[in-house]
C-alpha atoms as a PDB file:
ATOM      1  CA  UNK A   1    -111.627  42.792-166.073  1.00  0.00           C
ATOM      2  CA  UNK A   2    -109.253  44.543-163.301  1.00  0.00           C
ATOM      3  CA  UNK A   3    -106.041  42.421-163.402  1.00  0.00           C
ATOM      4  CA  UNK A   4    -105.721  42.626-160.023  1.00  0.00           C
ATOM      5  CA  UNK A   5    -108.767  40.554-159.243  1.00  0.00           C
ATOM      6  CA  UNK A   6    -107.418  37.533-161.631  1.00  0.00           C
ATOM      7  CA  UNK A   7    -107.102  34.031-160.113  1.00  0.00           C
ATOM      8  CA  UNK A   8    -103.147  34.165-161.632  1.00  0.00           C
ATOM      9  CA  UNK A   9    -102.597  37.846-160.660  1.00  0.00           C
ATOM     10  CA  UNK A  10    -103.878  37.406-157.016  1.00  0.00           C
ATOM     11  CA  UNK A  11    -101.492  33.979-156.543  1.00  0.00           C
ATOM     12  CA  UNK A  12     -98.663  35.866-157.413  1.00  0.00           C
ATOM     13  CA  UNK A  13     -99.404  38.215-154.869  1.00  0.00           C
ATOM     14  CA  UNK A  14     -99.950  35.484-152.339  1.00  0.00           C
ATOM     15  CA  UNK A  15     -96.866  33.953-153.142  1.00  0.00           C
ATOM     16  CA  UNK A  16     -95.118  37.533-152.579  1.00  0.00           C
ATOM     17  CA  UNK A  17     -96.654  37.734-149.280  1.00  0.00           C
ATOM     18  CA  UNK A  18     -95.712  34.474-148.101  1.00  0.00           C
ATOM     19  CA  UNK A  19     -91.831  34.980-149.172  1.00  0.00           C
ATOM     20  CA  UNK A  20     -92.205  38.761-148.134  1.00  0.00           C
ATOM     21  CA  UNK A  21     -91.109  39.745-150.964  1.00  0.00           C
ATOM     22  CA  UNK A  22     -92.603  42.865-153.079  1.00  0.00           C
ATOM     23  CA  UNK A  23     -92.782  46.695-151.770  1.00  0.00           C
ATOM     24  CA  UNK A  24     -95.599  47.652-149.086  1.00  0.00           C
ATOM     25  CA  UNK A  25     -98.594  46.618-147.510  1.00  0.00           C
ATOM     26  CA  UNK A  26    -101.426  49.866-147.112  1.00  0.00           C
ATOM     27  CA  UNK A  27    -104.562  49.795-144.972  1.00  0.00           C
ATOM     28  CA  UNK A  28    -106.580  51.331-147.481  1.00  0.00           C
ATOM     29  CA  UNK A  29    -107.682  53.932-145.066  1.00  0.00           C
ATOM     30  CA  UNK A  30    -104.811  56.523-144.111  1.00  0.00           C
ATOM     31  CA  UNK A  31    -102.283  55.896-146.460  1.00  0.00           C
ATOM     32  CA  UNK A  32    -100.324  54.193-144.103  1.00  0.00           C
ATOM     33  CA  UNK A  33     -97.610  51.471-146.018  1.00  0.00           C
ATOM     34  CA  UNK A  34     -96.232  48.728-143.545  1.00  0.00           C
ATOM     35  CA  UNK A  35     -92.891  47.686-145.271  1.00  0.00           C
ATOM     36  CA  UNK A  36     -93.776  44.004-146.822  1.00  0.00           C
ATOM     37  CA  UNK A  37     -90.540  42.161-144.982  1.00  0.00           C
ATOM     38  CA  UNK A  38     -91.566  43.501-141.854  1.00  0.00           C
ATOM     39  CA  UNK A  39     -95.207  42.826-142.142  1.00  0.00           C
ATOM     40  CA  UNK A  40     -95.327  38.899-143.473  1.00  0.00           C
ATOM     41  CA  UNK A  41     -92.622  36.847-143.958  1.00  0.00           C
ATOM     42  CA  UNK A  42     -91.739  32.887-144.600  1.00  0.00           C
ATOM     43  CA  UNK A  43     -90.531  32.533-140.903  1.00  0.00           C
ATOM     44  CA  UNK A  44     -93.047  34.487-139.246  1.00  0.00           C
ATOM     45  CA  UNK A  45     -95.753  32.123-141.144  1.00  0.00           C
ATOM     46  CA  UNK A  46     -93.522  29.405-139.503  1.00  0.00           C
ATOM     47  CA  UNK A  47     -93.540  30.777-136.083  1.00  0.00           C
ATOM     48  CA  UNK A  48     -97.176  30.527-135.838  1.00  0.00           C
ATOM     49  CA  UNK A  49     -97.775  27.167-137.232  1.00  0.00           C
ATOM     50  CA  UNK A  50     -95.662  26.026-134.241  1.00  0.00           C
ATOM     51  CA  UNK A  51     -97.288  28.007-131.807  1.00  0.00           C
ATOM     52  CA  UNK A  52    -100.641  26.959-133.061  1.00  0.00           C
ATOM     53  CA  UNK A  53     -99.512  23.442-132.805  1.00  0.00           C
ATOM     54  CA  UNK A  54     -98.031  23.531-129.355  1.00  0.00           C
ATOM     55  CA  UNK A  55    -101.543  24.974-128.465  1.00  0.00           C
ATOM     56  CA  UNK A  56    -103.477  22.254-129.889  1.00  0.00           C
ATOM     57  CA  UNK A  57    -101.171  19.589-128.186  1.00  0.00           C
ATOM     58  CA  UNK A  58    -101.923  20.311-125.058  1.00  0.00           C
ATOM     59  CA  UNK A  59    -103.854  17.451-123.188  1.00  0.00           C
ATOM     60  CA  UNK A  60    -107.163  20.007-122.453  1.00  0.00           C
ATOM     61  CA  UNK A  61    -107.654  21.281-125.690  1.00  0.00           C
ATOM     62  CA  UNK A  62    -107.147  18.309-127.491  1.00  0.00           C
ATOM     63  CA  UNK A  63    -109.586  16.323-124.915  1.00  0.00           C
ATOM     64  CA  UNK A  64    -112.327  18.909-125.674  1.00  0.00           C
ATOM     65  CA  UNK A  65    -112.142  18.689-129.421  1.00  0.00           C
ATOM     66  CA  UNK A  66    -111.598  15.619-131.376  1.00  0.00           C
ATOM     67  CA  UNK A  67    -110.577  18.019-134.665  1.00  0.00           C
ATOM     68  CA  UNK A  68    -107.908  19.116-133.031  1.00  0.00           C
ATOM     69  CA  UNK A  69    -106.623  15.772-131.952  1.00  0.00           C
ATOM     70  CA  UNK A  70    -107.007  15.048-135.303  1.00  0.00           C
ATOM     71  CA  UNK A  71    -104.491  17.945-136.435  1.00  0.00           C
ATOM     72  CA  UNK A  72    -101.926  17.147-134.513  1.00  0.00           C
ATOM     73  CA  UNK A  73    -101.992  13.592-135.256  1.00  0.00           C
ATOM     74  CA  UNK A  74    -101.499  14.329-139.085  1.00  0.00           C
ATOM     75  CA  UNK A  75     -99.202  17.038-138.699  1.00  0.00           C
ATOM     76  CA  UNK A  76     -96.773  15.560-136.071  1.00  0.00           C
ATOM     77  CA  UNK A  77     -94.130  14.568-138.535  1.00  0.00           C
ATOM     78  CA  UNK A  78     -94.173  17.232-140.767  1.00  0.00           C
ATOM     79  CA  UNK A  79     -94.086  19.944-137.341  1.00  0.00           C
ATOM     80  CA  UNK A  80     -90.660  17.657-136.211  1.00  0.00           C
ATOM     81  CA  UNK A  81     -89.512  17.416-139.842  1.00  0.00           C
ATOM     82  CA  UNK A  82     -90.139  21.233-139.822  1.00  0.00           C
ATOM     83  CA  UNK A  83     -88.211  21.760-136.334  1.00  0.00           C
ATOM     84  CA  UNK A  84     -84.902  19.745-137.523  1.00  0.00           C
ATOM     85  CA  UNK A  85     -84.827  22.177-140.965  1.00  0.00           C
ATOM     86  CA  UNK A  86     -85.049  25.679-139.596  1.00  0.00           C
ATOM     87  CA  UNK A  87     -81.625  27.334-138.419  1.00  0.00           C
ATOM     88  CA  UNK A  88     -81.261  26.339-134.777  1.00  0.00           C
ATOM     89  CA  UNK A  89     -78.408  26.808-131.920  1.00  0.00           C
ATOM     90  CA  UNK A  90     -77.251  23.561-132.694  1.00  0.00           C
ATOM     91  CA  UNK A  91     -76.165  24.652-136.597  1.00  0.00           C
ATOM     92  CA  UNK A  92     -73.265  27.005-134.658  1.00  0.00           C
ATOM     93  CA  UNK A  93     -70.053  26.177-132.886  1.00  0.00           C
ATOM     94  CA  UNK A  94     -69.354  29.097-130.417  1.00  0.00           C
ATOM     95  CA  UNK A  95     -65.827  29.900-130.137  1.00  0.00           C
ATOM     96  CA  UNK A  96     -65.762  32.307-127.954  1.00  0.00           C
ATOM     97  CA  UNK A  97     -67.658  35.605-125.899  1.00  0.00           C
ATOM     98  CA  UNK A  98     -66.844  39.116-127.744  1.00  0.00           C
ATOM     99  CA  UNK A  99     -69.525  41.026-126.424  1.00  0.00           C
ATOM    100  CA  UNK A 100     -71.777  41.218-123.020  1.00  0.00           C
ATOM    101  CA  UNK A 101     -74.430  43.846-121.995  1.00  0.00           C
ATOM    102  CA  UNK A 102     -77.744  43.938-120.422  1.00  0.00           C
ATOM    103  CA  UNK A 103     -79.608  42.245-122.878  1.00  0.00           C
ATOM    104  CA  UNK A 104     -77.850  39.673-123.510  1.00  0.00           C
ATOM    105  CA  UNK A 105     -73.720  37.977-124.698  1.00  0.00           C
ATOM    106  CA  UNK A 106     -72.227  38.274-127.885  1.00  0.00           C
ATOM    107  CA  UNK A 107     -70.112  34.806-129.250  1.00  0.00           C
ATOM    108  CA  UNK A 108     -68.248  34.497-132.065  1.00  0.00           C
ATOM    109  CA  UNK A 109     -69.595  31.586-133.836  1.00  0.00           C
ATOM    110  CA  UNK A 110     -68.786  29.249-136.927  1.00  0.00           C
ATOM    111  CA  UNK A 111     -71.560  27.337-139.068  1.00  0.00           C
ATOM    112  CA  UNK A 112     -70.862  24.100-138.451  1.00  0.00           C
ATOM    113  CA  UNK A 113     -71.109  22.356-142.144  1.00  0.00           C
ATOM    114  CA  UNK A 114     -69.596  25.464-144.044  1.00  0.00           C
ATOM    115  CA  UNK A 115     -66.823  26.914-141.167  1.00  0.00           C
ATOM    116  CA  UNK A 116     -68.326  30.419-142.164  1.00  0.00           C
ATOM    117  CA  UNK A 117     -67.986  32.785-139.230  1.00  0.00           C
ATOM    118  CA  UNK A 118     -70.737  34.785-137.622  1.00  0.00           C
ATOM    119  CA  UNK A 119     -71.455  37.102-134.312  1.00  0.00           C
ATOM    120  CA  UNK A 120     -73.688  35.411-132.741  1.00  0.00           C
ATOM    121  CA  UNK A 121     -76.125  38.052-130.056  1.00  0.00           C
ATOM    122  CA  UNK A 122     -78.062  35.786-127.565  1.00  0.00           C
ATOM    123  CA  UNK A 123     -80.957  37.517-125.718  1.00  0.00           C
ATOM    124  CA  UNK A 124     -83.318  36.021-122.642  1.00  0.00           C
ATOM    125  CA  UNK A 125     -86.989  36.507-123.852  1.00  0.00           C
ATOM    126  CA  UNK A 126     -87.531  37.549-119.741  1.00  0.00           C
ATOM    127  CA  UNK A 127     -85.471  40.455-120.338  1.00  0.00           C
ATOM    128  CA  UNK A 128     -86.001  41.845-123.825  1.00  0.00           C
ATOM    129  CA  UNK A 129     -89.497  42.723-125.570  1.00  0.00           C
ATOM    130  CA  UNK A 130     -90.887  42.389-128.597  1.00  0.00           C
ATOM    131  CA  UNK A 131     -90.515  45.719-129.901  1.00  0.00           C
ATOM    132  CA  UNK A 132     -86.864  46.052-129.275  1.00  0.00           C
ATOM    133  CA  UNK A 133     -85.461  42.942-130.694  1.00  0.00           C
ATOM    134  CA  UNK A 134     -87.782  43.263-133.577  1.00  0.00           C
ATOM    135  CA  UNK A 135     -86.640  46.842-134.348  1.00  0.00           C
ATOM    136  CA  UNK A 136     -83.386  45.856-134.130  1.00  0.00           C
ATOM    137  CA  UNK A 137     -83.895  42.412-136.348  1.00  0.00           C
ATOM    138  CA  UNK A 138     -85.482  44.799-139.021  1.00  0.00           C
ATOM    139  CA  UNK A 139     -82.731  46.862-139.317  1.00  0.00           C
ATOM    140  CA  UNK A 140     -79.846  44.519-139.713  1.00  0.00           C
ATOM    141  CA  UNK A 141     -82.647  42.499-141.963  1.00  0.00           C
ATOM    142  CA  UNK A 142     -83.111  45.629-144.090  1.00  0.00           C
ATOM    143  CA  UNK A 143     -79.722  45.429-145.861  1.00  0.00           C
ATOM    144  CA  UNK A 144     -79.805  48.858-147.378  1.00  0.00           C
ATOM    145  CA  UNK A 145     -76.751  49.655-146.464  1.00  0.00           C
ATOM    146  CA  UNK A 146     -72.969  48.991-145.859  1.00  0.00           C
ATOM    147  CA  UNK A 147     -72.871  51.433-142.565  1.00  0.00           C
ATOM    148  CA  UNK A 148     -75.560  48.988-140.943  1.00  0.00           C
ATOM    149  CA  UNK A 149     -74.349  45.876-139.855  1.00  0.00           C
ATOM    150  CA  UNK A 150     -76.202  42.809-141.821  1.00  0.00           C
ATOM    151  CA  UNK A 151     -78.253  39.757-140.312  1.00  0.00           C
ATOM    152  CA  UNK A 152     -77.659  36.229-141.460  1.00  0.00           C
ATOM    153  CA  UNK A 153     -80.119  34.281-139.226  1.00  0.00           C
ATOM    154  CA  UNK A 154     -82.931  34.790-136.670  1.00  0.00           C
ATOM    155  CA  UNK A 155     -84.150  32.489-134.584  1.00  0.00           C
ATOM    156  CA  UNK A 156     -85.728  31.803-131.230  1.00  0.00           C
ATOM    157  CA  UNK A 157     -86.295  28.282-128.893  1.00  0.00           C
ATOM    158  CA  UNK A 158     -87.978  28.177-125.369  1.00  0.00           C
ATOM    159  CA  UNK A 159     -85.893  30.640-123.567  1.00  0.00           C
ATOM    160  CA  UNK A 160     -83.971  32.803-125.897  1.00  0.00           C
ATOM    161  CA  UNK A 161     -83.701  34.812-129.060  1.00  0.00           C
ATOM    162  CA  UNK A 162     -80.913  34.731-131.226  1.00  0.00           C
ATOM    163  CA  UNK A 163     -79.622  37.278-133.622  1.00  0.00           C
ATOM    164  CA  UNK A 164     -76.988  35.936-136.117  1.00  0.00           C
ATOM    165  CA  UNK A 165     -74.620  38.616-137.737  1.00  0.00           C
ATOM    166  CA  UNK A 166     -71.805  39.062-139.945  1.00  0.00           C
ATOM    167  CA  UNK A 167     -68.962  39.966-137.744  1.00  0.00           C
ATOM    168  CA  UNK A 168     -66.973  42.615-137.888  1.00  0.00           C
ATOM    169  CA  UNK A 169     -63.181  42.168-136.799  1.00  0.00           C
ATOM    170  CA  UNK A 170     -62.368  44.861-136.198  1.00  0.00           C
ATOM    171  CA  UNK A 171     -64.108  45.232-132.623  1.00  0.00           C
ATOM    172  CA  UNK A 172     -65.686  48.856-131.243  1.00  0.00           C
ATOM    173  CA  UNK A 173     -64.727  52.029-130.920  1.00  0.00           C
ATOM    174  CA  UNK A 174     -64.322  52.033-127.356  1.00  0.00           C
ATOM    175  CA  UNK A 175     -61.691  49.468-127.893  1.00  0.00           C
ATOM    176  CA  UNK A 176     -59.799  51.589-130.211  1.00  0.00           C
ATOM    177  CA  UNK A 177     -59.755  54.580-128.264  1.00  0.00           C
ATOM    178  CA  UNK A 178     -58.295  52.644-125.593  1.00  0.00           C
ATOM    179  CA  UNK A 179     -55.572  50.986-127.634  1.00  0.00           C
ATOM    180  CA  UNK A 180     -55.021  54.459-129.544  1.00  0.00           C
ATOM    181  CA  UNK A 181     -55.414  56.786-126.864  1.00  0.00           C
ATOM    182  CA  UNK A 182     -56.418  60.665-127.816  1.00  0.00           C
ATOM    183  CA  UNK A 183     -57.426  60.735-131.524  1.00  0.00           C
ATOM    184  CA  UNK A 184     -55.560  63.198-133.430  1.00  0.00           C
ATOM    185  CA  UNK A 185     -57.311  65.402-135.521  1.00  0.00           C
ATOM    186  CA  UNK A 186     -57.518  63.734-138.596  1.00  0.00           C
ATOM    187  CA  UNK A 187     -58.372  60.469-137.149  1.00  0.00           C
ATOM    188  CA  UNK A 188     -60.764  62.140-134.952  1.00  0.00           C
ATOM    189  CA  UNK A 189     -62.290  63.665-138.347  1.00  0.00           C
ATOM    190  CA  UNK A 190     -62.447  60.000-139.911  1.00  0.00           C
ATOM    191  CA  UNK A 191     -64.487  58.288-137.778  1.00  0.00           C
ATOM    192  CA  UNK A 192     -66.824  61.312-137.272  1.00  0.00           C
ATOM    193  CA  UNK A 193     -67.588  61.745-141.355  1.00  0.00           C
ATOM    194  CA  UNK A 194     -67.765  57.751-140.646  1.00  0.00           C
ATOM    195  CA  UNK A 195     -70.125  57.550-137.911  1.00  0.00           C
ATOM    196  CA  UNK A 196     -72.305  60.183-139.582  1.00  0.00           C
ATOM    197  CA  UNK A 197     -72.814  58.173-142.758  1.00  0.00           C
ATOM    198  CA  UNK A 198     -73.740  55.263-140.573  1.00  0.00           C
ATOM    199  CA  UNK A 199     -76.314  57.494-138.888  1.00  0.00           C
ATOM    200  CA  UNK A 200     -77.607  58.931-141.965  1.00  0.00           C
ATOM    201  CA  UNK A 201     -78.151  55.471-143.484  1.00  0.00           C
ATOM    202  CA  UNK A 202     -80.467  54.482-140.134  1.00  0.00           C
ATOM    203  CA  UNK A 203     -82.383  57.684-140.336  1.00  0.00           C
ATOM    204  CA  UNK A 204     -83.119  56.932-144.143  1.00  0.00           C
ATOM    205  CA  UNK A 205     -84.940  54.255-143.671  1.00  0.00           C
ATOM    206  CA  UNK A 206     -86.688  55.441-140.456  1.00  0.00           C
ATOM    207  CA  UNK A 207     -85.056  55.095-137.544  1.00  0.00           C
ATOM    208  CA  UNK A 208     -83.473  56.884-134.409  1.00  0.00           C
ATOM    209  CA  UNK A 209     -80.287  55.449-132.842  1.00  0.00           C
ATOM    210  CA  UNK A 210     -81.033  56.592-129.096  1.00  0.00           C
ATOM    211  CA  UNK A 211     -77.863  54.713-127.598  1.00  0.00           C
ATOM    212  CA  UNK A 212     -74.436  55.976-129.976  1.00  0.00           C
ATOM    213  CA  UNK A 213     -71.469  55.369-127.556  1.00  0.00           C
ATOM    214  CA  UNK A 214     -68.676  54.057-128.539  1.00  0.00           C
ATOM    215  CA  UNK A 215     -68.995  50.184-127.807  1.00  0.00           C
ATOM    216  CA  UNK A 216     -72.020  50.433-129.806  1.00  0.00           C
ATOM    217  CA  UNK A 217     -70.150  51.604-132.906  1.00  0.00           C
ATOM    218  CA  UNK A 218     -68.522  48.655-134.848  1.00  0.00           C
ATOM    219  CA  UNK A 219     -65.370  48.260-136.828  1.00  0.00           C
ATOM    220  CA  UNK A 220     -65.431  46.093-139.913  1.00  0.00           C
ATOM    221  CA  UNK A 221     -61.378  46.366-139.502  1.00  0.00           C
ATOM    222  CA  UNK A 222     -58.429  46.923-137.233  1.00  0.00           C
END
């Protein structure tokens, strides 16, 4: 008997899919593998559940089908608790603005219960595309290199998307260039070497940075 068809094996695989664990998914045709953490995740499934519930909660839909109305009534307490338990903007105290661009703003924030300090990027859904935010989120969530900023939390509300990431107190390279003036050869070599390592890390996970400029290069120390 093929072990992959046993109930225990299928259940284990299903749990891996729900938790976003494992290696890759394959479509079984052209050998193209999808990283599992970008294909399925617990957060993605919860997002889907909430969207389904909100859609079913519309009066025009509930009135057409008693089963839909029963579904909304039955799961209302669970949905309410789910919304409360998930990470949201109320979990953070905003300290000050540390960056601003076309797609949104970045604030220094602290987690209310632990005091942990993070950088929180806020983007309006009306401005960014799903592809743009998904790529940025996936890169930071991969945690495959110390050269890439790591993502702590990602969530959304009706108007905005939020990325909560590690705070890098060194600011950006542009600010350093303004403070320092013209780099001497040794300093220029140092930052060129670091930038090369960071770009290599990005390329190694299948992405190309098309907007390399000093203000987009963050430093972990002064």
